[in-house]
């Protein structure tokens, strides 16, 4: 199963089981973000992200160039406080 298929399945299952008020809040937040114009600022498919260096969970500086010279990289962002 492809990653996209797994994500679609996860989303479908979540939408079937999540409380209606939670789903409404999530959909409203998504619509608010779309209407804010934020999508005009994101990297599009095929664009390359700039090189960067960040501290990882072990307080070690990790450089994107170093990782990409050895393998693929998946970058995940976690929002701090909601």
PDB file of N, CA and C in Angstrom:
ATOM      1  N   UNK A   1       0.852  -1.170   0.000  1.00  0.00           N
ATOM      2  CA  UNK A   1       0.000   0.000   0.000  1.00  0.00           C
ATOM      3  C   UNK A   1       0.905   1.242   0.000  1.00  0.00           C
ATOM      4  N   UNK A   2       0.590   2.201  -0.827  1.00  0.00           N
ATOM      5  CA  UNK A   2       1.398   3.416  -0.915  1.00  0.00           C
ATOM      6  C   UNK A   2       1.195   4.281   0.326  1.00  0.00           C
ATOM      7  N   UNK A   3       2.124   5.185   0.561  1.00  0.00           N
ATOM      8  CA  UNK A   3       1.997   6.099   1.687  1.00  0.00           C
ATOM      9  C   UNK A   3       0.720   6.921   1.562  1.00  0.00           C
ATOM     10  N   UNK A   4       0.421   7.415   0.356  1.00  0.00           N
ATOM     11  CA  UNK A   4      -0.780   8.219   0.174  1.00  0.00           C
ATOM     12  C   UNK A   4      -2.035   7.417   0.493  1.00  0.00           C
ATOM     13  N   UNK A   5      -2.051   6.157   0.079  1.00  0.00           N
ATOM     14  CA  UNK A   5      -3.201   5.300   0.378  1.00  0.00           C
ATOM     15  C   UNK A   5      -3.342   5.088   1.890  1.00  0.00           C
ATOM     16  N   UNK A   6      -2.226   4.907   2.581  1.00  0.00           N
ATOM     17  CA  UNK A   6      -2.270   4.743   4.035  1.00  0.00           C
ATOM     18  C   UNK A   6      -2.773   6.014   4.713  1.00  0.00           C
ATOM     19  N   UNK A   7      -2.295   7.159   4.250  1.00  0.00           N
ATOM     20  CA  UNK A   7      -2.749   8.430   4.824  1.00  0.00           C
ATOM     21  C   UNK A   7      -4.241   8.642   4.574  1.00  0.00           C
ATOM     22  N   UNK A   8      -4.691   8.323   3.366  1.00  0.00           N
ATOM     23  CA  UNK A   8      -6.114   8.456   3.041  1.00  0.00           C
ATOM     24  C   UNK A   8      -6.964   7.548   3.922  1.00  0.00           C
ATOM     25  N   UNK A   9      -6.502   6.326   4.128  1.00  0.00           N
ATOM     26  CA  UNK A   9      -7.230   5.380   4.974  1.00  0.00           C
ATOM     27  C   UNK A   9      -7.284   5.887   6.415  1.00  0.00           C
ATOM     28  N   UNK A  10      -6.162   6.391   6.912  1.00  0.00           N
ATOM     29  CA  UNK A  10      -6.114   6.924   8.267  1.00  0.00           C
ATOM     30  C   UNK A  10      -7.094   8.094   8.417  1.00  0.00           C
ATOM     31  N   UNK A  11      -7.084   8.991   7.430  1.00  0.00           N
ATOM     32  CA  UNK A  11      -7.981  10.154   7.470  1.00  0.00           C
ATOM     33  C   UNK A  11      -9.438   9.709   7.457  1.00  0.00           C
ATOM     34  N   UNK A  12      -9.766   8.774   6.584  1.00  0.00           N
ATOM     35  CA  UNK A  12     -11.143   8.273   6.502  1.00  0.00           C
ATOM     36  C   UNK A  12     -11.592   7.661   7.831  1.00  0.00           C
ATOM     37  N   UNK A  13     -10.726   6.837   8.421  1.00  0.00           N
ATOM     38  CA  UNK A  13     -11.063   6.202   9.698  1.00  0.00           C
ATOM     39  C   UNK A  13     -11.229   7.232  10.803  1.00  0.00           C
ATOM     40  N   UNK A  14     -10.356   8.235  10.814  1.00  0.00           N
ATOM     41  CA  UNK A  14     -10.453   9.284  11.826  1.00  0.00           C
ATOM     42  C   UNK A  14     -11.768  10.040  11.684  1.00  0.00           C
ATOM     43  N   UNK A  15     -12.117  10.392  10.456  1.00  0.00           N
ATOM     44  CA  UNK A  15     -13.338  11.168  10.236  1.00  0.00           C
ATOM     45  C   UNK A  15     -14.594  10.375  10.582  1.00  0.00           C
ATOM     46  N   UNK A  16     -14.510   9.054  10.523  1.00  0.00           N
ATOM     47  CA  UNK A  16     -15.661   8.219  10.880  1.00  0.00           C
ATOM     48  C   UNK A  16     -15.830   8.099  12.391  1.00  0.00           C
ATOM     49  N   UNK A  17     -14.735   8.271  13.148  1.00  0.00           N
ATOM     50  CA  UNK A  17     -14.797   8.006  14.583  1.00  0.00           C
ATOM     51  C   UNK A  17     -14.644   9.248  15.472  1.00  0.00           C
ATOM     52  N   UNK A  18     -14.145  10.343  14.923  1.00  0.00           N
ATOM     53  CA  UNK A  18     -13.928  11.544  15.734  1.00  0.00           C
ATOM     54  C   UNK A  18     -15.256  12.228  16.050  1.00  0.00           C
ATOM     55  N   UNK A  19     -15.352  12.859  17.207  1.00  0.00           N
ATOM     56  CA  UNK A  19     -16.568  13.603  17.550  1.00  0.00           C
ATOM     57  C   UNK A  19     -16.825  14.727  16.535  1.00  0.00           C
ATOM     58  N   UNK A  20     -18.090  14.967  16.256  1.00  0.00           N
ATOM     59  CA  UNK A  20     -18.473  15.960  15.238  1.00  0.00           C
ATOM     60  C   UNK A  20     -17.943  17.348  15.555  1.00  0.00           C
ATOM     61  N   UNK A  21     -17.948  17.746  16.839  1.00  0.00           N
ATOM     62  CA  UNK A  21     -17.463  19.089  17.178  1.00  0.00           C
ATOM     63  C   UNK A  21     -15.969  19.237  16.936  1.00  0.00           C
ATOM     64  N   UNK A  22     -15.228  18.166  17.150  1.00  0.00           N
ATOM     65  CA  UNK A  22     -13.785  18.186  16.892  1.00  0.00           C
ATOM     66  C   UNK A  22     -13.525  18.291  15.389  1.00  0.00           C
ATOM     67  N   UNK A  23     -14.255  17.503  14.606  1.00  0.00           N
ATOM     68  CA  UNK A  23     -14.104  17.581  13.152  1.00  0.00           C
ATOM     69  C   UNK A  23     -14.434  18.975  12.632  1.00  0.00           C
ATOM     70  N   UNK A  24     -15.486  19.578  13.177  1.00  0.00           N
ATOM     71  CA  UNK A  24     -15.882  20.913  12.735  1.00  0.00           C
ATOM     72  C   UNK A  24     -14.775  21.912  13.044  1.00  0.00           C
ATOM     73  N   UNK A  25     -14.178  21.823  14.222  1.00  0.00           N
ATOM     74  CA  UNK A  25     -13.087  22.727  14.594  1.00  0.00           C
ATOM     75  C   UNK A  25     -11.882  22.537  13.671  1.00  0.00           C
ATOM     76  N   UNK A  26     -11.562  21.289  13.376  1.00  0.00           N
ATOM     77  CA  UNK A  26     -10.423  21.007  12.500  1.00  0.00           C
ATOM     78  C   UNK A  26     -10.665  21.546  11.095  1.00  0.00           C
ATOM     79  N   UNK A  27     -11.862  21.322  10.565  1.00  0.00           N
ATOM     80  CA  UNK A  27     -12.176  21.812   9.220  1.00  0.00           C
ATOM     81  C   UNK A  27     -12.175  23.338   9.187  1.00  0.00           C
ATOM     82  N   UNK A  28     -12.678  23.964  10.248  1.00  0.00           N
ATOM     83  CA  UNK A  28     -12.677  25.430  10.311  1.00  0.00           C
ATOM     84  C   UNK A  28     -11.248  25.959  10.357  1.00  0.00           C
ATOM     85  N   UNK A  29     -10.390  25.325  11.144  1.00  0.00           N
ATOM     86  CA  UNK A  29      -8.992  25.749  11.233  1.00  0.00           C
ATOM     87  C   UNK A  29      -8.295  25.599   9.883  1.00  0.00           C
ATOM     88  N   UNK A  30      -8.579  24.512   9.179  1.00  0.00           N
ATOM     89  CA  UNK A  30      -7.995  24.306   7.854  1.00  0.00           C
ATOM     90  C   UNK A  30      -8.467  25.383   6.883  1.00  0.00           C
ATOM     91  N   UNK A  31      -9.752  25.673   6.897  1.00  0.00           N
ATOM     92  CA  UNK A  31     -10.284  26.723   6.023  1.00  0.00           C
ATOM     93  C   UNK A  31      -9.695  28.087   6.366  1.00  0.00           C
ATOM     94  N   UNK A  32      -9.536  28.381   7.653  1.00  0.00           N
ATOM     95  CA  UNK A  32      -8.939  29.645   8.076  1.00  0.00           C
ATOM     96  C   UNK A  32      -7.511  29.773   7.547  1.00  0.00           C
ATOM     97  N   UNK A  33      -6.751  28.683   7.623  1.00  0.00           N
ATOM     98  CA  UNK A  33      -5.383  28.711   7.105  1.00  0.00           C
ATOM     99  C   UNK A  33      -5.365  28.948   5.598  1.00  0.00           C
ATOM    100  N   UNK A  34      -6.240  28.248   4.872  1.00  0.00           N
ATOM    101  CA  UNK A  34      -6.309  28.444   3.419  1.00  0.00           C
ATOM    102  C   UNK A  34      -6.628  29.898   3.078  1.00  0.00           C
ATOM    103  N   UNK A  35      -7.602  30.462   3.785  1.00  0.00           N
ATOM    104  CA  UNK A  35      -8.031  31.827   3.509  1.00  0.00           C
ATOM    105  C   UNK A  35      -6.994  32.865   3.930  1.00  0.00           C
ATOM    106  N   UNK A  36      -6.062  32.484   4.794  1.00  0.00           N
ATOM    107  CA  UNK A  36      -5.042  33.424   5.264  1.00  0.00           C
ATOM    108  C   UNK A  36      -3.988  33.725   4.199  1.00  0.00           C
ATOM    109  N   UNK A  37      -3.934  32.889   3.148  1.00  0.00           N
ATOM    110  CA  UNK A  37      -2.925  33.067   2.110  1.00  0.00           C
ATOM    111  C   UNK A  37      -1.632  32.318   2.379  1.00  0.00           C
ATOM    112  N   UNK A  38      -1.605  31.542   3.443  1.00  0.00           N
ATOM    113  CA  UNK A  38      -0.388  30.829   3.819  1.00  0.00           C
ATOM    114  C   UNK A  38       0.082  29.853   2.733  1.00  0.00           C
ATOM    115  N   UNK A  39      -0.866  29.325   1.957  1.00  0.00           N
ATOM    116  CA  UNK A  39      -0.492  28.348   0.928  1.00  0.00           C
ATOM    117  C   UNK A  39       0.352  28.964  -0.182  1.00  0.00           C
ATOM    118  N   UNK A  40       0.287  30.279  -0.326  1.00  0.00           N
ATOM    119  CA  UNK A  40       1.112  30.958  -1.328  1.00  0.00           C
ATOM    120  C   UNK A  40       2.581  30.959  -0.930  1.00  0.00           C
ATOM    121  N   UNK A  41       2.863  30.726   0.351  1.00  0.00           N
ATOM    122  CA  UNK A  41       4.225  30.794   0.872  1.00  0.00           C
ATOM    123  C   UNK A  41       4.913  29.437   0.991  1.00  0.00           C
ATOM    124  N   UNK A  42       4.158  28.351   0.868  1.00  0.00           N
ATOM    125  CA  UNK A  42       4.749  27.028   1.077  1.00  0.00           C
ATOM    126  C   UNK A  42       5.487  26.559  -0.164  1.00  0.00           C
ATOM    127  N   UNK A  43       6.451  25.674   0.059  1.00  0.00           N
ATOM    128  CA  UNK A  43       7.159  25.077  -1.067  1.00  0.00           C
ATOM    129  C   UNK A  43       6.200  24.175  -1.830  1.00  0.00           C
ATOM    130  N   UNK A  44       6.272  24.238  -3.127  1.00  0.00           N
ATOM    131  CA  UNK A  44       5.421  23.418  -3.976  1.00  0.00           C
ATOM    132  C   UNK A  44       6.152  22.125  -4.343  1.00  0.00           C
ATOM    133  N   UNK A  45       5.405  21.163  -4.818  1.00  0.00           N
ATOM    134  CA  UNK A  45       5.976  19.894  -5.241  1.00  0.00           C
ATOM    135  C   UNK A  45       7.073  20.161  -6.266  1.00  0.00           C
ATOM    136  N   UNK A  46       8.214  19.548  -6.034  1.00  0.00           N
ATOM    137  CA  UNK A  46       9.340  19.708  -6.946  1.00  0.00           C
ATOM    138  C   UNK A  46      10.306  20.804  -6.539  1.00  0.00           C
ATOM    139  N   UNK A  47       9.887  21.714  -5.662  1.00  0.00           N
ATOM    140  CA  UNK A  47      10.777  22.767  -5.180  1.00  0.00           C
ATOM    141  C   UNK A  47      11.756  22.153  -4.184  1.00  0.00           C
ATOM    142  N   UNK A  48      12.903  22.766  -4.064  1.00  0.00           N
ATOM    143  CA  UNK A  48      13.882  22.300  -3.091  1.00  0.00           C
ATOM    144  C   UNK A  48      13.895  23.248  -1.900  1.00  0.00           C
ATOM    145  N   UNK A  49      13.902  22.664  -0.733  1.00  0.00           N
ATOM    146  CA  UNK A  49      13.988  23.451   0.491  1.00  0.00           C
ATOM    147  C   UNK A  49      15.405  23.994   0.632  1.00  0.00           C
ATOM    148  N   UNK A  50      15.558  25.137   1.250  1.00  0.00           N
ATOM    149  CA  UNK A  50      16.917  25.658   1.484  1.00  0.00           C
ATOM    150  C   UNK A  50      17.656  24.772   2.477  1.00  0.00           C
ATOM    151  N   UNK A  51      18.984  24.798   2.403  1.00  0.00           N
ATOM    152  CA  UNK A  51      19.789  24.056   3.377  1.00  0.00           C
ATOM    153  C   UNK A  51      19.594  24.690   4.746  1.00  0.00           C
ATOM    154  N   UNK A  52      19.686  23.865   5.782  1.00  0.00           N
ATOM    155  CA  UNK A  52      19.497  24.368   7.138  1.00  0.00           C
ATOM    156  C   UNK A  52      20.260  23.509   8.129  1.00  0.00           C
ATOM    157  N   UNK A  53      20.449  24.044   9.312  1.00  0.00           N
ATOM    158  CA  UNK A  53      21.042  23.313  10.428  1.00  0.00           C
ATOM    159  C   UNK A  53      20.144  23.559  11.639  1.00  0.00           C
ATOM    160  N   UNK A  54      19.748  22.476  12.294  1.00  0.00           N
ATOM    161  CA  UNK A  54      18.867  22.565  13.457  1.00  0.00           C
ATOM    162  C   UNK A  54      19.375  21.643  14.556  1.00  0.00           C
ATOM    163  N   UNK A  55      18.968  21.930  15.764  1.00  0.00           N
ATOM    164  CA  UNK A  55      19.299  21.071  16.894  1.00  0.00           C
ATOM    165  C   UNK A  55      18.279  19.942  16.963  1.00  0.00           C
ATOM    166  N   UNK A  56      18.759  18.711  17.104  1.00  0.00           N
ATOM    167  CA  UNK A  56      17.838  17.579  17.209  1.00  0.00           C
ATOM    168  C   UNK A  56      17.466  17.330  18.668  1.00  0.00           C
ATOM    169  N   UNK A  57      16.738  16.271  18.915  1.00  0.00           N
ATOM    170  CA  UNK A  57      16.279  15.957  20.261  1.00  0.00           C
ATOM    171  C   UNK A  57      17.393  15.638  21.236  1.00  0.00           C
ATOM    172  N   UNK A  58      18.564  15.314  20.723  1.00  0.00           N
ATOM    173  CA  UNK A  58      19.722  15.015  21.572  1.00  0.00           C
ATOM    174  C   UNK A  58      20.648  16.227  21.689  1.00  0.00           C
ATOM    175  N   UNK A  59      20.130  17.407  21.319  1.00  0.00           N
ATOM    176  CA  UNK A  59      20.890  18.666  21.385  1.00  0.00           C
ATOM    177  C   UNK A  59      22.119  18.679  20.480  1.00  0.00           C
ATOM    178  N   UNK A  60      22.065  17.909  19.408  1.00  0.00           N
ATOM    179  CA  UNK A  60      23.157  17.864  18.430  1.00  0.00           C
ATOM    180  C   UNK A  60      22.712  18.638  17.189  1.00  0.00           C
ATOM    181  N   UNK A  61      23.608  19.459  16.642  1.00  0.00           N
ATOM    182  CA  UNK A  61      23.293  20.188  15.419  1.00  0.00           C
ATOM    183  C   UNK A  61      23.319  19.212  14.245  1.00  0.00           C
ATOM    184  N   UNK A  62      22.244  19.206  13.493  1.00  0.00           N
ATOM    185  CA  UNK A  62      22.104  18.328  12.331  1.00  0.00           C
ATOM    186  C   UNK A  62      21.939  19.217  11.105  1.00  0.00           C
ATOM    187  N   UNK A  63      22.745  18.957  10.078  1.00  0.00           N
ATOM    188  CA  UNK A  63      22.699  19.757   8.844  1.00  0.00           C
ATOM    189  C   UNK A  63      22.001  18.973   7.745  1.00  0.00           C
ATOM    190  N   UNK A  64      21.106  19.618   7.065  1.00  0.00           N
ATOM    191  CA  UNK A  64      20.358  18.944   6.001  1.00  0.00           C
ATOM    192  C   UNK A  64      21.278  18.430   4.906  1.00  0.00           C
ATOM    193  N   UNK A  65      22.319  19.182   4.583  1.00  0.00           N
ATOM    194  CA  UNK A  65      23.245  18.732   3.524  1.00  0.00           C
ATOM    195  C   UNK A  65      23.902  17.409   3.885  1.00  0.00           C
ATOM    196  N   UNK A  66      24.245  17.254   5.172  1.00  0.00           N
ATOM    197  CA  UNK A  66      24.891  16.012   5.608  1.00  0.00           C
ATOM    198  C   UNK A  66      23.959  14.821   5.457  1.00  0.00           C
ATOM    199  N   UNK A  67      22.716  15.002   5.865  1.00  0.00           N
ATOM    200  CA  UNK A  67      21.745  13.912   5.759  1.00  0.00           C
ATOM    201  C   UNK A  67      21.489  13.565   4.301  1.00  0.00           C
ATOM    202  N   UNK A  68      21.246  14.597   3.485  1.00  0.00           N
ATOM    203  CA  UNK A  68      20.900  14.352   2.086  1.00  0.00           C
ATOM    204  C   UNK A  68      22.059  13.790   1.269  1.00  0.00           C
ATOM    205  N   UNK A  69      23.275  13.933   1.741  1.00  0.00           N
ATOM    206  CA  UNK A  69      24.412  13.352   1.029  1.00  0.00           C
ATOM    207  C   UNK A  69      24.473  11.839   1.228  1.00  0.00           C
ATOM    208  N   UNK A  70      23.732  11.336   2.226  1.00  0.00           N
ATOM    209  CA  UNK A  70      23.770   9.914   2.552  1.00  0.00           C
ATOM    210  C   UNK A  70      22.473   9.168   2.257  1.00  0.00           C
ATOM    211  N   UNK A  71      21.331   9.900   2.331  1.00  0.00           N
ATOM    212  CA  UNK A  71      20.030   9.235   2.201  1.00  0.00           C
ATOM    213  C   UNK A  71      18.934  10.284   2.036  1.00  0.00           C
ATOM    214  N   UNK A  72      17.706   9.815   1.900  1.00  0.00           N
ATOM    215  CA  UNK A  72      16.563  10.718   1.852  1.00  0.00           C
ATOM    216  C   UNK A  72      16.281  11.241   3.251  1.00  0.00           C
ATOM    217  N   UNK A  73      15.542  12.323   3.301  1.00  0.00           N
ATOM    218  CA  UNK A  73      15.209  12.923   4.591  1.00  0.00           C
ATOM    219  C   UNK A  73      13.724  13.241   4.625  1.00  0.00           C
ATOM    220  N   UNK A  74      13.109  12.941   5.754  1.00  0.00           N
ATOM    221  CA  UNK A  74      11.729  13.332   6.009  1.00  0.00           C
ATOM    222  C   UNK A  74      11.783  14.326   7.155  1.00  0.00           C
ATOM    223  N   UNK A  75      11.215  15.481   6.929  1.00  0.00           N
ATOM    224  CA  UNK A  75      11.235  16.542   7.929  1.00  0.00           C
ATOM    225  C   UNK A  75       9.829  16.724   8.467  1.00  0.00           C
ATOM    226  N   UNK A  76       9.692  16.654   9.784  1.00  0.00           N
ATOM    227  CA  UNK A  76       8.395  16.781  10.429  1.00  0.00           C
ATOM    228  C   UNK A  76       8.432  17.971  11.373  1.00  0.00           C
ATOM    229  N   UNK A  77       7.374  18.755  11.346  1.00  0.00           N
ATOM    230  CA  UNK A  77       7.268  19.906  12.235  1.00  0.00           C
ATOM    231  C   UNK A  77       6.199  19.621  13.271  1.00  0.00           C
ATOM    232  N   UNK A  78       6.507  19.945  14.505  1.00  0.00           N
ATOM    233  CA  UNK A  78       5.550  19.817  15.597  1.00  0.00           C
ATOM    234  C   UNK A  78       5.262  21.200  16.129  1.00  0.00           C
ATOM    235  N   UNK A  79       4.016  21.522  16.231  1.00  0.00           N
ATOM    236  CA  UNK A  79       3.633  22.805  16.787  1.00  0.00           C
ATOM    237  C   UNK A  79       3.788  22.726  18.306  1.00  0.00           C
ATOM    238  N   UNK A  80       4.402  23.737  18.879  1.00  0.00           N
ATOM    239  CA  UNK A  80       4.683  23.730  20.313  1.00  0.00           C
ATOM    240  C   UNK A  80       3.450  23.781  21.172  1.00  0.00           C
ATOM    241  N   UNK A  81       2.802  24.921  21.255  1.00  0.00           N
ATOM    242  CA  UNK A  81       1.617  25.069  22.103  1.00  0.00           C
ATOM    243  C   UNK A  81       0.412  25.345  21.226  1.00  0.00           C
ATOM    244  N   UNK A  82      -0.669  24.716  21.552  1.00  0.00           N
ATOM    245  CA  UNK A  82      -1.912  24.942  20.805  1.00  0.00           C
ATOM    246  C   UNK A  82      -2.659  25.991  21.540  1.00  0.00           C
TER     247      UNK A  82
END
